[in-house]
Amino acid sequence: MESPYKGKTGINRLVNAFSYSCAGLREAIRHEDAFRQEVVLAVVLIPLAFWLESQLTGRILMISSVFLVLIVELLNSAIEATVDRISLEDHPLAKRAKDIGSASVLICLLNLVTVWALVLLN
């Protein structure tokens, strides 16, 4: 069965998609403490990447690693919200889904630290 929201094309689809994306960012900022903390981290690290002396490639890697953390945190939050929507009862599969989502954020944070260290230490 197709979603009734599918079918819009062209500029209407783009406008709707942008609107939904903005709503998603607002919800993440409003309801997700970890996302807010990582946004603060991004606000500090992205300008710092421009301020520190490094090659263009290094800056791109540093900034991309920051954005990757934000992206994965949004996906993790979506997984958690979906699991909670299905059921709030304790279940091993719900715990597994949430733990795996959390692990993906941890790996992204480790990637961020590794990229920044390698770029800064040449």
N, C-alpha and C. Protein backbone atom coordinates (compact mmCIF):
# COMPACT_ATOMS: atom_id res chain seq x y z
N MET A 1 0.84 -1.17 0.00
CA MET A 1 0.00 0.00 0.00
C MET A 1 0.90 1.24 0.00
N GLU A 2 0.63 2.14 -0.90
CA GLU A 2 1.41 3.37 -1.02
C GLU A 2 0.94 4.40 0.01
N SER A 3 1.87 5.22 0.43
CA SER A 3 1.54 6.32 1.33
C SER A 3 0.71 7.36 0.60
N PRO A 4 -0.32 7.90 1.25
CA PRO A 4 -1.11 8.96 0.61
C PRO A 4 -0.32 10.26 0.44
N TYR A 5 0.82 10.34 1.11
CA TYR A 5 1.64 11.55 1.02
C TYR A 5 2.61 11.51 -0.15
N LYS A 6 2.73 10.33 -0.76
CA LYS A 6 3.57 10.21 -1.94
C LYS A 6 2.81 10.75 -3.15
N GLY A 7 3.51 11.10 -4.18
CA GLY A 7 2.85 11.51 -5.41
C GLY A 7 3.10 12.95 -5.79
N LYS A 8 3.48 13.78 -4.82
CA LYS A 8 3.80 15.15 -5.19
C LYS A 8 5.14 15.15 -5.91
N THR A 9 5.23 15.96 -6.93
CA THR A 9 6.45 16.00 -7.72
C THR A 9 6.87 17.45 -7.93
N GLY A 10 8.04 17.60 -8.48
CA GLY A 10 8.52 18.92 -8.84
C GLY A 10 8.78 19.80 -7.64
N ILE A 11 8.48 21.08 -7.81
CA ILE A 11 8.78 22.08 -6.79
C ILE A 11 7.96 21.85 -5.53
N ASN A 12 6.72 21.35 -5.67
CA ASN A 12 5.90 21.07 -4.48
C ASN A 12 6.56 20.02 -3.59
N ARG A 13 7.13 19.00 -4.20
CA ARG A 13 7.82 17.98 -3.42
C ARG A 13 9.02 18.56 -2.71
N LEU A 14 9.78 19.40 -3.39
CA LEU A 14 10.95 20.02 -2.78
C LEU A 14 10.57 20.92 -1.61
N VAL A 15 9.52 21.70 -1.79
CA VAL A 15 9.06 22.59 -0.71
C VAL A 15 8.60 21.76 0.48
N ASN A 16 7.82 20.71 0.22
CA ASN A 16 7.36 19.85 1.31
C ASN A 16 8.53 19.16 2.01
N ALA A 17 9.47 18.64 1.24
CA ALA A 17 10.62 17.95 1.82
C ALA A 17 11.42 18.90 2.70
N PHE A 18 11.62 20.12 2.23
CA PHE A 18 12.36 21.11 3.03
C PHE A 18 11.61 21.42 4.32
N SER A 19 10.31 21.57 4.21
CA SER A 19 9.48 21.85 5.39
C SER A 19 9.55 20.71 6.40
N TYR A 20 9.47 19.47 5.93
CA TYR A 20 9.55 18.32 6.82
C TYR A 20 10.93 18.23 7.48
N SER A 21 11.97 18.54 6.73
CA SER A 21 13.33 18.51 7.26
C SER A 21 13.51 19.56 8.36
N CYS A 22 12.99 20.75 8.13
CA CYS A 22 13.06 21.80 9.15
C CYS A 22 12.29 21.41 10.40
N ALA A 23 11.13 20.80 10.21
CA ALA A 23 10.34 20.32 11.35
C ALA A 23 11.11 19.26 12.13
N GLY A 24 11.80 18.37 11.41
CA GLY A 24 12.60 17.35 12.07
C GLY A 24 13.73 17.94 12.88
N LEU A 25 14.41 18.95 12.35
CA LEU A 25 15.47 19.62 13.10
C LEU A 25 14.92 20.31 14.35
N ARG A 26 13.77 20.97 14.20
CA ARG A 26 13.14 21.62 15.36
C ARG A 26 12.80 20.59 16.44
N GLU A 27 12.25 19.46 16.04
CA GLU A 27 11.89 18.41 17.00
C GLU A 27 13.13 17.84 17.68
N ALA A 28 14.19 17.64 16.92
CA ALA A 28 15.43 17.11 17.51
C ALA A 28 16.00 18.09 18.52
N ILE A 29 15.99 19.36 18.18
CA ILE A 29 16.51 20.37 19.10
C ILE A 29 15.63 20.47 20.34
N ARG A 30 14.34 20.37 20.16
CA ARG A 30 13.40 20.50 21.27
C ARG A 30 13.44 19.29 22.21
N HIS A 31 13.61 18.08 21.67
CA HIS A 31 13.41 16.88 22.47
C HIS A 31 14.66 16.03 22.71
N GLU A 32 15.75 16.30 22.04
CA GLU A 32 16.92 15.42 22.14
C GLU A 32 18.11 16.16 22.76
N ASP A 33 18.40 15.85 24.02
CA ASP A 33 19.52 16.49 24.71
C ASP A 33 20.85 16.23 24.01
N ALA A 34 21.07 14.99 23.59
CA ALA A 34 22.34 14.64 22.94
C ALA A 34 22.52 15.45 21.65
N PHE A 35 21.44 15.62 20.89
CA PHE A 35 21.56 16.39 19.65
C PHE A 35 21.91 17.84 19.96
N ARG A 36 21.27 18.42 20.98
CA ARG A 36 21.60 19.80 21.35
C ARG A 36 23.07 19.92 21.75
N GLN A 37 23.57 18.95 22.51
CA GLN A 37 24.98 18.99 22.92
C GLN A 37 25.90 18.89 21.70
N GLU A 38 25.53 18.07 20.76
CA GLU A 38 26.36 17.91 19.56
C GLU A 38 26.27 19.12 18.65
N VAL A 39 25.15 19.82 18.66
CA VAL A 39 25.05 21.08 17.92
C VAL A 39 26.00 22.11 18.53
N VAL A 40 26.05 22.17 19.86
CA VAL A 40 26.99 23.08 20.52
C VAL A 40 28.42 22.72 20.14
N LEU A 41 28.72 21.42 20.13
CA LEU A 41 30.04 20.95 19.70
C LEU A 41 30.33 21.41 18.27
N ALA A 42 29.35 21.30 17.40
CA ALA A 42 29.52 21.72 16.00
C ALA A 42 29.75 23.23 15.90
N VAL A 43 29.02 23.99 16.70
CA VAL A 43 29.16 25.46 16.67
C VAL A 43 30.57 25.86 17.10
N VAL A 44 31.19 25.07 17.95
CA VAL A 44 32.56 25.35 18.38
C VAL A 44 33.58 24.81 17.36
N LEU A 45 33.39 23.56 16.92
CA LEU A 45 34.41 22.91 16.11
C LEU A 45 34.47 23.39 14.66
N ILE A 46 33.34 23.70 14.07
CA ILE A 46 33.36 24.12 12.65
C ILE A 46 34.13 25.43 12.47
N PRO A 47 33.85 26.47 13.25
CA PRO A 47 34.70 27.67 13.11
C PRO A 47 36.16 27.40 13.47
N LEU A 48 36.38 26.52 14.46
CA LEU A 48 37.75 26.17 14.84
C LEU A 48 38.50 25.52 13.68
N ALA A 49 37.80 24.72 12.89
CA ALA A 49 38.43 24.08 11.72
C ALA A 49 38.92 25.12 10.72
N PHE A 50 38.19 26.23 10.61
CA PHE A 50 38.64 27.30 9.71
C PHE A 50 39.77 28.11 10.32
N TRP A 51 39.78 28.21 11.62
CA TRP A 51 40.78 29.02 12.31
C TRP A 51 42.13 28.30 12.37
N LEU A 52 42.10 26.99 12.60
CA LEU A 52 43.35 26.23 12.69
C LEU A 52 44.02 26.14 11.33
N GLU A 53 45.32 26.13 11.36
CA GLU A 53 46.05 26.04 10.10
C GLU A 53 46.11 24.59 9.65
N SER A 54 45.43 24.32 8.56
CA SER A 54 45.49 22.99 7.96
C SER A 54 45.17 23.12 6.48
N GLN A 55 45.49 22.09 5.75
CA GLN A 55 45.21 22.06 4.31
C GLN A 55 43.70 22.00 4.10
N LEU A 56 43.27 22.34 2.90
CA LEU A 56 41.85 22.30 2.56
C LEU A 56 41.26 20.91 2.80
N THR A 57 42.00 19.88 2.40
CA THR A 57 41.51 18.51 2.59
C THR A 57 41.30 18.21 4.07
N GLY A 58 42.22 18.66 4.90
CA GLY A 58 42.09 18.47 6.34
C GLY A 58 40.86 19.16 6.90
N ARG A 59 40.64 20.38 6.46
CA ARG A 59 39.45 21.12 6.91
C ARG A 59 38.17 20.42 6.49
N ILE A 60 38.16 19.95 5.26
CA ILE A 60 36.98 19.22 4.76
C ILE A 60 36.72 17.99 5.62
N LEU A 61 37.76 17.23 5.92
CA LEU A 61 37.61 16.04 6.75
C LEU A 61 37.13 16.39 8.15
N MET A 62 37.69 17.45 8.73
CA MET A 62 37.32 17.85 10.08
C MET A 62 35.84 18.26 10.13
N ILE A 63 35.43 19.08 9.19
CA ILE A 63 34.04 19.56 9.18
C ILE A 63 33.08 18.42 8.84
N SER A 64 33.47 17.57 7.90
CA SER A 64 32.61 16.43 7.55
C SER A 64 32.42 15.48 8.73
N SER A 65 33.45 15.29 9.52
CA SER A 65 33.32 14.40 10.68
C SER A 65 32.35 14.98 11.71
N VAL A 66 32.29 16.31 11.81
CA VAL A 66 31.33 16.95 12.72
C VAL A 66 29.91 16.75 12.20
N PHE A 67 29.71 16.99 10.90
CA PHE A 67 28.37 16.80 10.33
C PHE A 67 27.93 15.34 10.40
N LEU A 68 28.87 14.41 10.26
CA LEU A 68 28.53 13.00 10.34
C LEU A 68 27.96 12.65 11.72
N VAL A 69 28.54 13.22 12.77
CA VAL A 69 28.01 12.99 14.12
C VAL A 69 26.57 13.47 14.21
N LEU A 70 26.28 14.65 13.67
CA LEU A 70 24.91 15.19 13.72
C LEU A 70 23.95 14.29 12.94
N ILE A 71 24.37 13.84 11.78
CA ILE A 71 23.52 12.99 10.95
C ILE A 71 23.19 11.68 11.67
N VAL A 72 24.21 11.05 12.21
CA VAL A 72 24.00 9.75 12.87
C VAL A 72 23.18 9.94 14.15
N GLU A 73 23.36 11.03 14.85
CA GLU A 73 22.54 11.30 16.04
C GLU A 73 21.07 11.47 15.65
N LEU A 74 20.81 12.14 14.54
CA LEU A 74 19.42 12.27 14.07
C LEU A 74 18.83 10.90 13.75
N LEU A 75 19.59 10.06 13.07
CA LEU A 75 19.11 8.71 12.75
C LEU A 75 18.88 7.89 14.03
N ASN A 76 19.80 8.01 14.99
CA ASN A 76 19.63 7.31 16.26
C ASN A 76 18.37 7.79 16.98
N SER A 77 18.13 9.07 16.97
CA SER A 77 16.92 9.61 17.61
C SER A 77 15.66 9.11 16.92
N ALA A 78 15.72 9.00 15.59
CA ALA A 78 14.57 8.47 14.85
C ALA A 78 14.32 7.00 15.21
N ILE A 79 15.38 6.22 15.34
CA ILE A 79 15.23 4.83 15.75
C ILE A 79 14.60 4.75 17.14
N GLU A 80 15.11 5.55 18.06
CA GLU A 80 14.58 5.53 19.42
C GLU A 80 13.11 5.94 19.46
N ALA A 81 12.75 6.97 18.71
CA ALA A 81 11.36 7.41 18.68
C ALA A 81 10.45 6.33 18.09
N THR A 82 10.93 5.67 17.05
CA THR A 82 10.13 4.61 16.42
C THR A 82 9.94 3.44 17.38
N VAL A 83 10.99 3.03 18.05
CA VAL A 83 10.90 1.93 19.02
C VAL A 83 9.93 2.31 20.14
N ASP A 84 10.04 3.54 20.64
CA ASP A 84 9.13 3.98 21.71
C ASP A 84 7.69 4.07 21.22
N ARG A 85 7.49 4.40 19.96
CA ARG A 85 6.13 4.46 19.40
C ARG A 85 5.50 3.09 19.34
N ILE A 86 6.31 2.10 19.02
CA ILE A 86 5.79 0.74 18.92
C ILE A 86 5.40 0.22 20.30
N SER A 87 6.28 0.42 21.29
CA SER A 87 5.99 -0.04 22.64
C SER A 87 6.99 0.54 23.62
N LEU A 88 6.50 0.89 24.80
CA LEU A 88 7.40 1.38 25.85
C LEU A 88 7.82 0.27 26.81
N GLU A 89 7.30 -0.94 26.59
CA GLU A 89 7.68 -2.05 27.48
C GLU A 89 9.11 -2.49 27.16
N ASP A 90 9.76 -3.01 28.20
CA ASP A 90 11.12 -3.53 28.01
C ASP A 90 11.06 -4.77 27.14
N HIS A 91 11.89 -4.77 26.12
CA HIS A 91 11.96 -5.93 25.23
C HIS A 91 13.39 -6.03 24.72
N PRO A 92 13.93 -7.24 24.64
CA PRO A 92 15.32 -7.39 24.20
C PRO A 92 15.59 -6.80 22.81
N LEU A 93 14.65 -6.92 21.89
CA LEU A 93 14.88 -6.36 20.55
C LEU A 93 14.84 -4.84 20.57
N ALA A 94 13.98 -4.25 21.39
CA ALA A 94 13.94 -2.80 21.51
C ALA A 94 15.26 -2.30 22.09
N LYS A 95 15.75 -3.00 23.12
CA LYS A 95 17.03 -2.62 23.72
C LYS A 95 18.15 -2.75 22.70
N ARG A 96 18.14 -3.85 21.93
CA ARG A 96 19.17 -4.05 20.92
C ARG A 96 19.17 -2.92 19.90
N ALA A 97 17.99 -2.55 19.40
CA ALA A 97 17.89 -1.48 18.40
C ALA A 97 18.43 -0.17 18.96
N LYS A 98 18.04 0.15 20.19
CA LYS A 98 18.51 1.40 20.79
C LYS A 98 20.01 1.37 21.07
N ASP A 99 20.50 0.23 21.55
CA ASP A 99 21.93 0.11 21.84
C ASP A 99 22.77 0.19 20.57
N ILE A 100 22.30 -0.42 19.51
CA ILE A 100 23.04 -0.37 18.24
C ILE A 100 23.05 1.05 17.69
N GLY A 101 21.92 1.74 17.78
CA GLY A 101 21.88 3.15 17.37
C GLY A 101 22.85 3.99 18.18
N SER A 102 22.88 3.76 19.48
CA SER A 102 23.81 4.49 20.34
C SER A 102 25.26 4.17 20.00
N ALA A 103 25.53 2.91 19.69
CA ALA A 103 26.89 2.52 19.30
C ALA A 103 27.33 3.23 18.03
N SER A 104 26.40 3.44 17.10
CA SER A 104 26.75 4.13 15.86
C SER A 104 27.16 5.58 16.15
N VAL A 105 26.51 6.21 17.11
CA VAL A 105 26.90 7.57 17.50
C VAL A 105 28.28 7.55 18.14
N LEU A 106 28.53 6.58 19.00
CA LEU A 106 29.84 6.46 19.64
C LEU A 106 30.94 6.30 18.59
N ILE A 107 30.71 5.45 17.60
CA ILE A 107 31.72 5.24 16.56
C ILE A 107 31.96 6.54 15.78
N CYS A 108 30.90 7.30 15.53
CA CYS A 108 31.07 8.59 14.83
C CYS A 108 31.88 9.57 15.68
N LEU A 109 31.63 9.57 16.98
CA LEU A 109 32.40 10.46 17.86
C LEU A 109 33.87 10.03 17.90
N LEU A 110 34.12 8.73 17.93
CA LEU A 110 35.51 8.25 17.87
C LEU A 110 36.15 8.62 16.53
N ASN A 111 35.38 8.53 15.46
CA ASN A 111 35.86 8.96 14.14
C ASN A 111 36.22 10.44 14.16
N LEU A 112 35.37 11.26 14.77
CA LEU A 112 35.62 12.70 14.85
C LEU A 112 36.94 12.96 15.56
N VAL A 113 37.14 12.33 16.71
CA VAL A 113 38.37 12.52 17.48
C VAL A 113 39.58 12.05 16.67
N THR A 114 39.45 10.93 16.01
CA THR A 114 40.56 10.39 15.20
C THR A 114 40.90 11.32 14.04
N VAL A 115 39.90 11.77 13.32
CA VAL A 115 40.13 12.67 12.17
C VAL A 115 40.80 13.95 12.64
N TRP A 116 40.25 14.56 13.69
CA TRP A 116 40.83 15.81 14.18
C TRP A 116 42.27 15.60 14.65
N ALA A 117 42.53 14.52 15.35
CA ALA A 117 43.89 14.27 15.84
C ALA A 117 44.85 14.06 14.67
N LEU A 118 44.44 13.28 13.69
CA LEU A 118 45.33 13.01 12.55
C LEU A 118 45.61 14.27 11.75
N VAL A 119 44.58 15.09 11.55
CA VAL A 119 44.77 16.32 10.78
C VAL A 119 45.67 17.28 11.55
N LEU A 120 45.42 17.44 12.84
CA LEU A 120 46.18 18.41 13.63
C LEU A 120 47.62 17.96 13.88
N LEU A 121 47.82 16.64 13.96
CA LEU A 121 49.17 16.13 14.18
C LEU A 121 49.91 15.84 12.87
N ASN A 122 49.25 16.10 11.76
CA ASN A 122 49.80 15.84 10.43
C ASN A 122 50.14 14.38 10.30
